[in-house]
Amino acid sequence: NELKPVEEEYLFPSFHSPVLRDADISAKPMVLLLGQYSVGKTTFIRYLLGRDFPGIRIGPEPTTDRFVCLMNGPDDRTIPGNALSVHPELPFTSLSMFGANFLNRLEGSQ
């Protein structure tokens, strides 16, 4: 909350990104896991979680053709990218600048 006035005073959004919202500031740290298909990314995540997660797809051929945001939540569900980008309590609103094609390939998993 202390950063917002400073960002606005120095016009930070005009040269970098939108003003950070409370959801952006209070969000837990995020980790990005990238790699070629069938190298064990999903298996690694399953190992860390100790269980499967909603929307999991595993196979010898490319099965994950999307970006998946894994989040803790009260129930197991998947959330479409468009919904993630407009949810006021999640730190994904800035992803809407990448357009509908990207959001169609984005998915949240709780």
Protein backbone atom coordinates (compact mmCIF):
# COMPACT_ATOMS: atom_id res chain seq x y z
CA ASN A 1 0.00 0.00 0.00
CA GLU A 2 2.92 2.36 0.56
CA LEU A 3 4.23 1.85 -2.98
CA LYS A 4 1.10 2.94 -4.85
CA PRO A 5 1.41 6.68 -4.10
CA VAL A 6 5.09 6.64 -5.08
CA GLU A 7 4.32 4.79 -8.32
CA GLU A 8 1.58 7.27 -9.19
CA GLU A 9 3.67 10.33 -8.29
CA TYR A 10 6.57 9.28 -10.52
CA LEU A 11 4.30 8.07 -13.36
CA PHE A 12 5.63 4.51 -13.11
CA PRO A 13 2.72 3.02 -15.11
CA SER A 14 3.41 5.24 -18.11
CA PHE A 15 6.81 3.69 -18.79
CA HIS A 16 6.65 0.21 -17.26
CA SER A 17 3.40 -1.47 -16.25
CA PRO A 18 0.02 -0.77 -14.68
CA VAL A 19 -0.10 0.35 -11.07
CA LEU A 20 0.34 -2.66 -8.81
CA ARG A 21 -2.84 -3.72 -7.08
CA ASP A 22 -3.18 -5.11 -3.58
CA ALA A 23 -3.49 -8.64 -5.04
CA ASP A 24 -0.13 -8.17 -6.83
CA ILE A 25 1.65 -6.98 -3.71
CA SER A 26 0.20 -9.59 -1.34
CA ALA A 27 0.67 -12.49 -3.78
CA LYS A 28 2.92 -15.36 -2.82
CA PRO A 29 6.14 -15.76 -4.83
CA MET A 30 5.71 -17.54 -8.18
CA VAL A 31 7.95 -20.03 -9.93
CA LEU A 32 8.02 -20.56 -13.70
CA LEU A 33 8.81 -24.06 -14.93
CA LEU A 34 9.66 -24.34 -18.65
CA GLY A 35 10.99 -27.13 -20.81
CA GLN A 36 10.47 -29.27 -23.89
CA TYR A 37 7.62 -31.74 -23.90
CA SER A 38 7.96 -35.12 -22.20
CA VAL A 39 10.90 -34.15 -20.01
CA GLY A 40 9.09 -34.55 -16.68
CA LYS A 41 7.76 -31.09 -15.74
CA THR A 42 4.33 -32.38 -14.72
CA THR A 43 5.83 -35.40 -12.98
CA PHE A 44 8.11 -33.07 -11.03
CA ILE A 45 5.15 -30.91 -9.97
CA ARG A 46 3.20 -34.03 -8.94
CA TYR A 47 6.18 -35.09 -6.82
CA LEU A 48 6.36 -31.69 -5.10
CA LEU A 49 2.62 -31.61 -4.43
CA GLY A 50 2.41 -35.25 -3.44
CA ARG A 51 -0.74 -35.67 -5.53
CA ASP A 52 -2.35 -35.02 -8.91
CA PHE A 53 -3.89 -31.64 -9.65
CA PRO A 54 -7.02 -30.70 -11.66
CA GLY A 55 -6.43 -30.56 -15.40
CA ILE A 56 -3.32 -32.78 -15.29
CA ARG A 57 -2.41 -34.36 -18.63
CA ILE A 58 0.44 -36.86 -18.94
CA GLY A 59 1.43 -38.92 -21.95
CA PRO A 60 4.36 -39.77 -24.26
CA GLU A 61 3.25 -37.23 -26.87
CA PRO A 62 2.88 -33.47 -26.20
CA THR A 63 -0.11 -33.18 -23.87
CA THR A 64 0.25 -29.77 -22.25
CA ASP A 65 -0.36 -27.10 -24.84
CA ARG A 66 -1.15 -24.42 -22.32
CA PHE A 67 0.19 -22.42 -19.41
CA VAL A 68 -1.06 -23.71 -16.06
CA CYS A 69 -1.03 -21.65 -12.86
CA LEU A 70 -1.15 -23.95 -9.85
CA MET A 71 -2.69 -22.34 -6.79
CA ASN A 72 -3.77 -23.42 -3.36
CA GLY A 73 -7.51 -23.27 -2.81
CA PRO A 74 -10.41 -24.63 -0.80
CA ASP A 75 -11.51 -27.06 -3.51
CA ASP A 76 -10.08 -28.78 -6.62
CA ARG A 77 -11.08 -26.99 -9.83
CA THR A 78 -9.78 -25.47 -13.03
CA ILE A 79 -10.23 -21.80 -13.85
CA PRO A 80 -10.11 -20.49 -17.46
CA GLY A 81 -7.48 -17.87 -18.26
CA ASN A 82 -10.08 -15.19 -18.99
CA ALA A 83 -11.49 -15.63 -15.49
CA LEU A 84 -8.00 -15.55 -13.93
CA SER A 85 -7.23 -12.24 -15.61
CA VAL A 86 -10.29 -10.48 -14.18
CA HIS A 87 -10.38 -12.01 -10.70
CA PRO A 88 -9.76 -9.14 -8.24
CA GLU A 89 -8.01 -11.29 -5.62
CA LEU A 90 -5.53 -12.99 -7.98
CA PRO A 91 -2.33 -11.40 -9.33
CA PHE A 92 -2.97 -12.21 -13.00
CA THR A 93 -4.77 -9.10 -14.28
CA SER A 94 -1.67 -7.81 -16.07
CA LEU A 95 -1.68 -10.93 -18.28
CA SER A 96 -4.72 -9.60 -20.14
CA MET A 97 -2.36 -7.33 -22.11
CA PHE A 98 -1.20 -10.42 -24.04
CA GLY A 99 -4.63 -10.79 -25.62
CA ALA A 100 -7.36 -13.39 -26.02
CA ASN A 101 -5.17 -15.98 -27.76
CA PHE A 102 -2.86 -16.13 -24.76
CA LEU A 103 -5.71 -16.16 -22.25
CA ASN A 104 -7.30 -19.07 -24.14
CA ARG A 105 -4.10 -21.05 -23.51
CA LEU A 106 -3.91 -20.06 -19.84
CA GLU A 107 -5.54 -22.11 -17.11
CA GLY A 108 -5.61 -22.01 -13.33
CA SER A 109 -5.64 -25.18 -11.27
CA GLN A 110 -6.63 -25.17 -7.61
